[in-house]
Structures are given as C-alpha cells and as structure tokens.
Amino acid sequence: MGVLHHIHDRSDSFMQFMKFCMVGVSNTAVSYFLNIGILYLLRNVEWRWDYIFANVTSFTLSIFWAFFWNNRYVFKEKPGESRSLWRTLGKTFLAYGFTGYILNNILSFIWVDFMGISKYIAPLINLLLSVPINFMMNRCWAFRGKKDIK
C-alpha cells in the first residue's frame, strides 16, 4: 500500500506541475498581448517610460491571471482545508515577483556576464530553474491551506 500511495502522490504532483506549466504558457501570452495592447493605447502619448509602464502593468495583471487559474485549476483547496484568498494572492505576487524579477535578473547576470552565454539564450536557461522554483513556492507556500479544526 505504501509504495502505491507514493507512486500515486508522485503522479498527482507531476500532473499538478503540468497544469502549472499550462497556466504559465497562457500567462506569458496574456502578459505579452497586454503589453502590446498597452503600448498601442499609448502610441500617441509622448512619454519616455511608456514601455516600462506597459511591462509593469502587463506583468502585474498577468499575476492576477495566474492567481485566478492556479487557484481554480492547479492548487484547488482540498476537503477539510481553507486558505485566505487575500493572503494567497499576496504570496502569489511575492513568488512571481521573486522568480520573475529578482531570480531571473540575477541568473541572467551570471549567465551573460560571467559565463559568456548569449543574452538571447539566458532567458531560456532561466526557465529551467525559475519555473520549478515558482511551482514549489506556490505549491508549498502561497497556496498551502490550513487544516480546518473540528
């Protein structure tokens, strides 16, 4: 029974990770198209930082998108569990902010400046590290529920 339970848990974890990756792909598309849309809306505005505004706004909105689908599809509350929606949303922002801003920039600096890897290849390498880290942060921290006490 113990071995079968362990195999079942690993299979569930793998499927959860695959769902997380599907949400991530849709999240990337949403962020990109929001970014393009915002730039299009600002096309007649003489503003030096329009692309920064578009990046920050689209990234922020894409985190809401990811939160919605991760909460509904990937990290569903288990029976007998509860979690604060606002606290989970805040933790989601921190997890995505860490991997999306901090970790990716540090890794890119290492790959490009220290290891001589192309700045066009570095983001692909970053995905191999940041996606599993982001998954674990969301699974084990942001979306972890508390057992209801009866």
N, C-alpha and C. Protein backbone atom coordinates (compact mmCIF):
# COMPACT_ATOMS: atom_id res chain seq x y z
N MET A 1 0.83 -1.19 0.00
CA MET A 1 0.00 0.00 0.00
C MET A 1 0.87 1.25 0.00
N GLY A 2 1.96 1.27 0.76
CA GLY A 2 2.82 2.43 0.88
C GLY A 2 3.46 2.82 -0.45
N VAL A 3 3.93 1.82 -1.21
CA VAL A 3 4.57 2.09 -2.50
C VAL A 3 3.55 2.63 -3.49
N LEU A 4 2.37 2.04 -3.54
CA LEU A 4 1.34 2.52 -4.46
C LEU A 4 0.90 3.93 -4.11
N HIS A 5 0.81 4.23 -2.83
CA HIS A 5 0.44 5.57 -2.39
C HIS A 5 1.51 6.58 -2.83
N HIS A 6 2.78 6.20 -2.68
CA HIS A 6 3.89 7.06 -3.08
C HIS A 6 3.87 7.31 -4.60
N ILE A 7 3.62 6.29 -5.39
CA ILE A 7 3.53 6.44 -6.85
C ILE A 7 2.36 7.35 -7.22
N HIS A 8 1.23 7.16 -6.55
CA HIS A 8 0.05 8.00 -6.81
C HIS A 8 0.36 9.46 -6.49
N ASP A 9 1.02 9.71 -5.36
CA ASP A 9 1.39 11.09 -4.97
C ASP A 9 2.32 11.72 -6.00
N ARG A 10 3.28 10.95 -6.49
CA ARG A 10 4.22 11.48 -7.50
C ARG A 10 3.49 11.78 -8.80
N SER A 11 2.56 10.92 -9.17
CA SER A 11 1.77 11.15 -10.38
C SER A 11 0.92 12.40 -10.25
N ASP A 12 0.29 12.58 -9.08
CA ASP A 12 -0.50 13.78 -8.83
C ASP A 12 0.36 15.03 -8.88
N SER A 13 1.55 14.96 -8.30
CA SER A 13 2.46 16.11 -8.31
C SER A 13 2.89 16.45 -9.73
N PHE A 14 3.17 15.43 -10.53
CA PHE A 14 3.56 15.67 -11.92
C PHE A 14 2.42 16.31 -12.70
N MET A 15 1.22 15.81 -12.53
CA MET A 15 0.07 16.39 -13.23
C MET A 15 -0.17 17.83 -12.77
N GLN A 16 0.01 18.08 -11.49
CA GLN A 16 -0.15 19.43 -10.97
C GLN A 16 0.91 20.35 -11.60
N PHE A 17 2.13 19.86 -11.72
CA PHE A 17 3.19 20.66 -12.35
C PHE A 17 2.86 20.93 -13.82
N MET A 18 2.32 19.94 -14.52
CA MET A 18 1.96 20.13 -15.93
C MET A 18 0.84 21.17 -16.05
N LYS A 19 -0.13 21.13 -15.16
CA LYS A 19 -1.19 22.15 -15.16
C LYS A 19 -0.60 23.53 -14.89
N PHE A 20 0.33 23.59 -13.95
CA PHE A 20 1.00 24.84 -13.62
C PHE A 20 1.73 25.39 -14.86
N CYS A 21 2.38 24.52 -15.61
CA CYS A 21 3.08 24.93 -16.83
C CYS A 21 2.09 25.43 -17.89
N MET A 22 0.93 24.79 -18.00
CA MET A 22 -0.09 25.24 -18.95
C MET A 22 -0.60 26.63 -18.57
N VAL A 23 -0.83 26.85 -17.29
CA VAL A 23 -1.23 28.18 -16.83
C VAL A 23 -0.11 29.17 -17.13
N GLY A 24 1.13 28.75 -16.95
CA GLY A 24 2.28 29.62 -17.23
C GLY A 24 2.37 30.03 -18.68
N VAL A 25 2.11 29.10 -19.58
CA VAL A 25 2.13 29.43 -21.02
C VAL A 25 1.03 30.44 -21.32
N SER A 26 -0.17 30.20 -20.80
CA SER A 26 -1.26 31.16 -21.05
C SER A 26 -0.94 32.50 -20.39
N ASN A 27 -0.30 32.46 -19.24
CA ASN A 27 0.08 33.67 -18.53
C ASN A 27 1.08 34.50 -19.34
N THR A 28 2.03 33.83 -19.96
CA THR A 28 3.01 34.51 -20.81
C THR A 28 2.32 35.18 -21.99
N ALA A 29 1.38 34.48 -22.60
CA ALA A 29 0.65 35.06 -23.73
C ALA A 29 -0.17 36.26 -23.28
N VAL A 30 -0.85 36.15 -22.15
CA VAL A 30 -1.64 37.26 -21.63
C VAL A 30 -0.74 38.46 -21.37
N SER A 31 0.39 38.23 -20.72
CA SER A 31 1.31 39.32 -20.41
C SER A 31 1.81 39.99 -21.69
N TYR A 32 2.18 39.19 -22.67
CA TYR A 32 2.69 39.74 -23.93
C TYR A 32 1.63 40.58 -24.64
N PHE A 33 0.44 40.04 -24.79
CA PHE A 33 -0.61 40.76 -25.51
C PHE A 33 -1.11 41.98 -24.74
N LEU A 34 -1.13 41.90 -23.42
CA LEU A 34 -1.45 43.09 -22.63
C LEU A 34 -0.39 44.17 -22.85
N ASN A 35 0.87 43.75 -22.85
CA ASN A 35 1.97 44.68 -23.06
C ASN A 35 1.82 45.38 -24.41
N ILE A 36 1.58 44.61 -25.45
CA ILE A 36 1.41 45.18 -26.80
C ILE A 36 0.18 46.09 -26.83
N GLY A 37 -0.91 45.66 -26.19
CA GLY A 37 -2.13 46.46 -26.15
C GLY A 37 -1.93 47.79 -25.45
N ILE A 38 -1.23 47.75 -24.33
CA ILE A 38 -0.96 48.99 -23.59
C ILE A 38 -0.09 49.93 -24.43
N LEU A 39 0.93 49.39 -25.06
CA LEU A 39 1.78 50.22 -25.92
C LEU A 39 0.97 50.80 -27.07
N TYR A 40 0.04 50.02 -27.61
CA TYR A 40 -0.81 50.52 -28.69
C TYR A 40 -1.69 51.67 -28.20
N LEU A 41 -2.27 51.50 -27.00
CA LEU A 41 -3.11 52.56 -26.44
C LEU A 41 -2.32 53.84 -26.17
N LEU A 42 -1.05 53.69 -25.85
CA LEU A 42 -0.21 54.84 -25.53
C LEU A 42 0.58 55.35 -26.74
N ARG A 43 0.27 54.85 -27.93
CA ARG A 43 1.07 55.17 -29.11
C ARG A 43 1.13 56.66 -29.43
N ASN A 44 0.12 57.41 -29.09
CA ASN A 44 0.10 58.84 -29.39
C ASN A 44 0.52 59.70 -28.20
N VAL A 45 0.92 59.02 -27.11
CA VAL A 45 1.32 59.75 -25.91
C VAL A 45 2.85 59.93 -25.95
N GLU A 46 3.30 61.17 -25.81
CA GLU A 46 4.74 61.44 -25.76
C GLU A 46 5.22 61.19 -24.33
N TRP A 47 5.64 59.98 -24.07
CA TRP A 47 6.05 59.61 -22.74
C TRP A 47 7.25 58.69 -22.83
N ARG A 48 8.32 59.06 -22.22
CA ARG A 48 9.58 58.33 -22.35
C ARG A 48 9.51 56.92 -21.76
N TRP A 49 8.75 56.72 -20.71
CA TRP A 49 8.74 55.44 -19.99
C TRP A 49 7.52 54.59 -20.32
N ASP A 50 6.93 54.78 -21.49
CA ASP A 50 5.73 54.02 -21.84
C ASP A 50 5.96 52.51 -21.83
N TYR A 51 7.13 52.06 -22.28
CA TYR A 51 7.41 50.62 -22.31
C TYR A 51 7.59 50.06 -20.89
N ILE A 52 8.15 50.86 -19.98
CA ILE A 52 8.28 50.42 -18.58
C ILE A 52 6.89 50.29 -17.96
N PHE A 53 6.05 51.30 -18.18
CA PHE A 53 4.67 51.25 -17.69
C PHE A 53 3.96 50.02 -18.24
N ALA A 54 4.13 49.76 -19.53
CA ALA A 54 3.49 48.59 -20.16
C ALA A 54 4.02 47.30 -19.55
N ASN A 55 5.32 47.20 -19.32
CA ASN A 55 5.90 45.99 -18.72
C ASN A 55 5.36 45.74 -17.32
N VAL A 56 5.40 46.76 -16.49
CA VAL A 56 4.96 46.60 -15.10
C VAL A 56 3.46 46.29 -15.04
N THR A 57 2.67 47.02 -15.82
CA THR A 57 1.23 46.81 -15.81
C THR A 57 0.86 45.42 -16.33
N SER A 58 1.45 45.02 -17.44
CA SER A 58 1.11 43.70 -18.00
C SER A 58 1.59 42.58 -17.09
N PHE A 59 2.77 42.73 -16.47
CA PHE A 59 3.25 41.70 -15.55
C PHE A 59 2.33 41.60 -14.34
N THR A 60 1.94 42.75 -13.80
CA THR A 60 1.04 42.76 -12.64
C THR A 60 -0.30 42.11 -12.97
N LEU A 61 -0.88 42.48 -14.09
CA LEU A 61 -2.17 41.89 -14.48
C LEU A 61 -2.03 40.40 -14.78
N SER A 62 -0.89 40.00 -15.33
CA SER A 62 -0.70 38.58 -15.62
C SER A 62 -0.58 37.77 -14.33
N ILE A 63 -0.12 38.39 -13.25
CA ILE A 63 -0.08 37.68 -11.97
C ILE A 63 -1.50 37.42 -11.47
N PHE A 64 -2.39 38.39 -11.68
CA PHE A 64 -3.80 38.16 -11.33
C PHE A 64 -4.36 36.99 -12.15
N TRP A 65 -4.03 36.96 -13.43
CA TRP A 65 -4.46 35.87 -14.32
C TRP A 65 -3.94 34.53 -13.78
N ALA A 66 -2.65 34.48 -13.46
CA ALA A 66 -2.05 33.24 -12.94
C ALA A 66 -2.68 32.84 -11.62
N PHE A 67 -2.91 33.82 -10.75
CA PHE A 67 -3.53 33.53 -9.46
C PHE A 67 -4.90 32.90 -9.67
N PHE A 68 -5.72 33.51 -10.53
CA PHE A 68 -7.07 33.01 -10.76
C PHE A 68 -7.04 31.55 -11.21
N TRP A 69 -6.22 31.25 -12.22
CA TRP A 69 -6.20 29.88 -12.77
C TRP A 69 -5.48 28.90 -11.85
N ASN A 70 -4.44 29.34 -11.18
CA ASN A 70 -3.78 28.44 -10.23
C ASN A 70 -4.71 28.10 -9.08
N ASN A 71 -5.46 29.08 -8.62
CA ASN A 71 -6.40 28.85 -7.52
C ASN A 71 -7.55 27.94 -7.94
N ARG A 72 -8.02 28.12 -9.16
CA ARG A 72 -9.19 27.38 -9.63
C ARG A 72 -8.85 26.02 -10.24
N TYR A 73 -7.67 25.91 -10.86
CA TYR A 73 -7.35 24.74 -11.67
C TYR A 73 -6.18 23.91 -11.13
N VAL A 74 -5.15 24.56 -10.61
CA VAL A 74 -3.93 23.84 -10.25
C VAL A 74 -3.88 23.48 -8.77
N PHE A 75 -4.06 24.46 -7.92
CA PHE A 75 -3.91 24.27 -6.48
C PHE A 75 -5.26 24.39 -5.78
N LYS A 76 -6.18 23.52 -6.12
CA LYS A 76 -7.52 23.57 -5.54
C LYS A 76 -7.45 23.25 -4.05
N GLU A 77 -8.34 23.89 -3.31
CA GLU A 77 -8.43 23.55 -1.88
C GLU A 77 -8.87 22.11 -1.73
N LYS A 78 -8.22 21.43 -0.81
CA LYS A 78 -8.59 20.04 -0.53
C LYS A 78 -9.71 20.04 0.50
N PRO A 79 -10.50 18.99 0.53
CA PRO A 79 -11.54 18.89 1.57
C PRO A 79 -10.91 19.00 2.96
N GLY A 80 -11.52 19.79 3.81
CA GLY A 80 -11.02 19.98 5.16
C GLY A 80 -9.91 21.03 5.25
N GLU A 81 -9.71 21.78 4.17
CA GLU A 81 -8.68 22.81 4.14
C GLU A 81 -9.31 24.17 3.88
N SER A 82 -8.66 25.21 4.33
CA SER A 82 -9.11 26.56 4.00
C SER A 82 -7.89 27.45 3.88
N ARG A 83 -8.05 28.52 3.12
CA ARG A 83 -6.97 29.49 2.99
C ARG A 83 -7.58 30.86 2.72
N SER A 84 -6.86 31.87 3.15
CA SER A 84 -7.28 33.25 2.92
C SER A 84 -6.96 33.63 1.48
N LEU A 85 -7.98 34.06 0.75
CA LEU A 85 -7.78 34.45 -0.64
C LEU A 85 -6.81 35.62 -0.76
N TRP A 86 -6.93 36.62 0.11
CA TRP A 86 -6.06 37.80 0.04
C TRP A 86 -4.63 37.45 0.41
N ARG A 87 -4.45 36.63 1.43
CA ARG A 87 -3.10 36.22 1.82
C ARG A 87 -2.46 35.39 0.70
N THR A 88 -3.24 34.52 0.09
CA THR A 88 -2.73 33.70 -1.01
C THR A 88 -2.35 34.58 -2.19
N LEU A 89 -3.18 35.56 -2.50
CA LEU A 89 -2.87 36.49 -3.59
C LEU A 89 -1.57 37.25 -3.30
N GLY A 90 -1.40 37.73 -2.08
CA GLY A 90 -0.17 38.43 -1.71
C GLY A 90 1.05 37.53 -1.85
N LYS A 91 0.94 36.30 -1.39
CA LYS A 91 2.05 35.35 -1.51
C LYS A 91 2.33 35.03 -2.97
N THR A 92 1.28 34.97 -3.78
CA THR A 92 1.47 34.72 -5.21
C THR A 92 2.27 35.86 -5.85
N PHE A 93 1.92 37.10 -5.49
CA PHE A 93 2.68 38.24 -6.00
C PHE A 93 4.15 38.15 -5.59
N LEU A 94 4.40 37.77 -4.35
CA LEU A 94 5.78 37.65 -3.88
C LEU A 94 6.52 36.54 -4.62
N ALA A 95 5.86 35.40 -4.81
CA ALA A 95 6.51 34.28 -5.51
C ALA A 95 6.85 34.65 -6.94
N TYR A 96 5.88 35.22 -7.65
CA TYR A 96 6.13 35.62 -9.04
C TYR A 96 7.11 36.78 -9.11
N GLY A 97 7.04 37.70 -8.16
CA GLY A 97 7.99 38.80 -8.13
C GLY A 97 9.41 38.31 -7.91
N PHE A 98 9.55 37.35 -7.00
CA PHE A 98 10.88 36.80 -6.73
C PHE A 98 11.45 36.12 -7.97
N THR A 99 10.68 35.20 -8.54
CA THR A 99 11.22 34.46 -9.68
C THR A 99 11.25 35.31 -10.95
N GLY A 100 10.24 36.17 -11.12
CA GLY A 100 10.14 36.95 -12.35
C GLY A 100 11.08 38.14 -12.41
N TYR A 101 11.31 38.78 -11.28
CA TYR A 101 12.17 39.96 -11.26
C TYR A 101 13.56 39.65 -10.70
N ILE A 102 13.59 39.16 -9.49
CA ILE A 102 14.87 39.01 -8.80
C ILE A 102 15.69 37.84 -9.35
N LEU A 103 15.14 36.64 -9.27
CA LEU A 103 15.89 35.45 -9.69
C LEU A 103 16.30 35.52 -11.15
N ASN A 104 15.37 35.87 -12.04
CA ASN A 104 15.71 35.93 -13.46
C ASN A 104 16.80 36.94 -13.77
N ASN A 105 16.79 38.08 -13.10
CA ASN A 105 17.83 39.08 -13.34
C ASN A 105 19.18 38.63 -12.80
N ILE A 106 19.20 38.03 -11.62
CA ILE A 106 20.46 37.52 -11.06
C ILE A 106 21.03 36.42 -11.96
N LEU A 107 20.17 35.48 -12.35
CA LEU A 107 20.64 34.39 -13.21
C LEU A 107 21.12 34.92 -14.56
N SER A 108 20.38 35.86 -15.14
CA SER A 108 20.80 36.43 -16.42
C SER A 108 22.17 37.09 -16.31
N PHE A 109 22.39 37.80 -15.23
CA PHE A 109 23.68 38.44 -14.99
C PHE A 109 24.80 37.39 -14.93
N ILE A 110 24.53 36.30 -14.22
CA ILE A 110 25.53 35.23 -14.11
C ILE A 110 25.79 34.60 -15.47
N TRP A 111 24.73 34.21 -16.18
CA TRP A 111 24.90 33.54 -17.48
C TRP A 111 25.63 34.43 -18.48
N VAL A 112 25.18 35.68 -18.59
CA VAL A 112 25.71 36.57 -19.63
C VAL A 112 27.09 37.13 -19.25
N ASP A 113 27.20 37.72 -18.07
CA ASP A 113 28.43 38.41 -17.71
C ASP A 113 29.55 37.51 -17.20
N PHE A 114 29.22 36.42 -16.56
CA PHE A 114 30.26 35.55 -16.02
C PHE A 114 30.53 34.33 -16.88
N MET A 115 29.48 33.80 -17.51
CA MET A 115 29.66 32.56 -18.26
C MET A 115 29.69 32.79 -19.77
N GLY A 116 29.41 34.02 -20.20
CA GLY A 116 29.50 34.34 -21.62
C GLY A 116 28.39 33.74 -22.48
N ILE A 117 27.27 33.40 -21.87
CA ILE A 117 26.14 32.83 -22.60
C ILE A 117 25.37 33.98 -23.26
N SER A 118 24.84 33.74 -24.41
CA SER A 118 24.09 34.76 -25.15
C SER A 118 22.91 35.28 -24.33
N LYS A 119 22.69 36.60 -24.41
CA LYS A 119 21.56 37.20 -23.70
C LYS A 119 20.22 36.74 -24.28
N TYR A 120 20.25 36.12 -25.43
CA TYR A 120 19.03 35.58 -26.04
C TYR A 120 18.76 34.14 -25.60
N ILE A 121 19.79 33.47 -25.13
CA ILE A 121 19.67 32.09 -24.64
C ILE A 121 19.44 32.07 -23.12
N ALA A 122 19.99 33.04 -22.42
CA ALA A 122 19.90 33.09 -20.95
C ALA A 122 18.47 32.97 -20.44
N PRO A 123 17.49 33.68 -21.03
CA PRO A 123 16.11 33.54 -20.51
C PRO A 123 15.56 32.12 -20.63
N LEU A 124 15.99 31.39 -21.64
CA LEU A 124 15.54 30.00 -21.79
C LEU A 124 16.12 29.13 -20.68
N ILE A 125 17.39 29.36 -20.35
CA ILE A 125 18.02 28.63 -19.25
C ILE A 125 17.33 28.99 -17.94
N ASN A 126 17.00 30.27 -17.79
CA ASN A 126 16.32 30.72 -16.57
C ASN A 126 15.03 29.96 -16.34
N LEU A 127 14.31 29.68 -17.41
CA LEU A 127 13.04 28.96 -17.28
C LEU A 127 13.23 27.59 -16.63
N LEU A 128 14.35 26.94 -16.95
CA LEU A 128 14.61 25.61 -16.39
C LEU A 128 14.76 25.66 -14.87
N LEU A 129 15.16 26.80 -14.35
CA LEU A 129 15.31 26.95 -12.90
C LEU A 129 14.13 27.68 -12.26
N SER A 130 13.67 28.75 -12.89
CA SER A 130 12.65 29.58 -12.25
C SER A 130 11.26 28.93 -12.23
N VAL A 131 10.91 28.17 -13.25
CA VAL A 131 9.58 27.55 -13.27
C VAL A 131 9.43 26.53 -12.14
N PRO A 132 10.36 25.59 -11.96
CA PRO A 132 10.20 24.67 -10.82
C PRO A 132 10.24 25.37 -9.47
N ILE A 133 11.08 26.40 -9.34
CA ILE A 133 11.14 27.14 -8.08
C ILE A 133 9.81 27.85 -7.82
N ASN A 134 9.27 28.49 -8.87
CA ASN A 134 8.00 29.17 -8.74
C ASN A 134 6.88 28.19 -8.41
N PHE A 135 6.91 27.03 -9.04
CA PHE A 135 5.92 25.98 -8.75
C PHE A 135 5.97 25.59 -7.27
N MET A 136 7.17 25.33 -6.77
CA MET A 136 7.31 24.90 -5.39
C MET A 136 6.91 26.01 -4.42
N MET A 137 7.25 27.26 -4.74
CA MET A 137 6.85 28.37 -3.87
C MET A 137 5.33 28.49 -3.82
N ASN A 138 4.68 28.32 -4.96
CA ASN A 138 3.23 28.40 -5.00
C ASN A 138 2.59 27.19 -4.32
N ARG A 139 3.11 26.02 -4.60
CA ARG A 139 2.51 24.80 -4.04
C ARG A 139 2.71 24.70 -2.52
N CYS A 140 3.92 24.95 -2.08
CA CYS A 140 4.25 24.71 -0.67
C CYS A 140 4.05 25.92 0.23
N TRP A 141 3.87 27.10 -0.37
CA TRP A 141 3.77 28.30 0.45
C TRP A 141 2.52 29.12 0.12
N ALA A 142 2.44 29.64 -1.11
CA ALA A 142 1.34 30.56 -1.43
C ALA A 142 -0.03 29.90 -1.36
N PHE A 143 -0.17 28.70 -1.91
CA PHE A 143 -1.48 28.05 -1.98
C PHE A 143 -1.66 26.96 -0.93
N ARG A 144 -0.75 26.89 0.02
CA ARG A 144 -0.90 25.87 1.06
C ARG A 144 -2.03 26.29 2.01
N GLY A 145 -2.98 25.42 2.14
CA GLY A 145 -4.10 25.70 3.02
C GLY A 145 -3.85 25.22 4.43
N LYS A 146 -4.71 25.67 5.32
CA LYS A 146 -4.67 25.22 6.71
C LYS A 146 -5.75 24.18 6.92
N LYS A 147 -5.43 23.19 7.69
CA LYS A 147 -6.42 22.17 8.04
C LYS A 147 -7.48 22.79 8.93
N ASP A 148 -8.73 22.56 8.55
CA ASP A 148 -9.83 23.04 9.39
C ASP A 148 -9.90 22.21 10.66
N ILE A 149 -10.05 22.91 11.77
CA ILE A 149 -10.15 22.22 13.06
C ILE A 149 -11.64 22.02 13.37
N LYS A 150 -11.98 20.79 13.71
CA LYS A 150 -13.38 20.49 14.02
C LYS A 150 -13.57 20.19 15.46
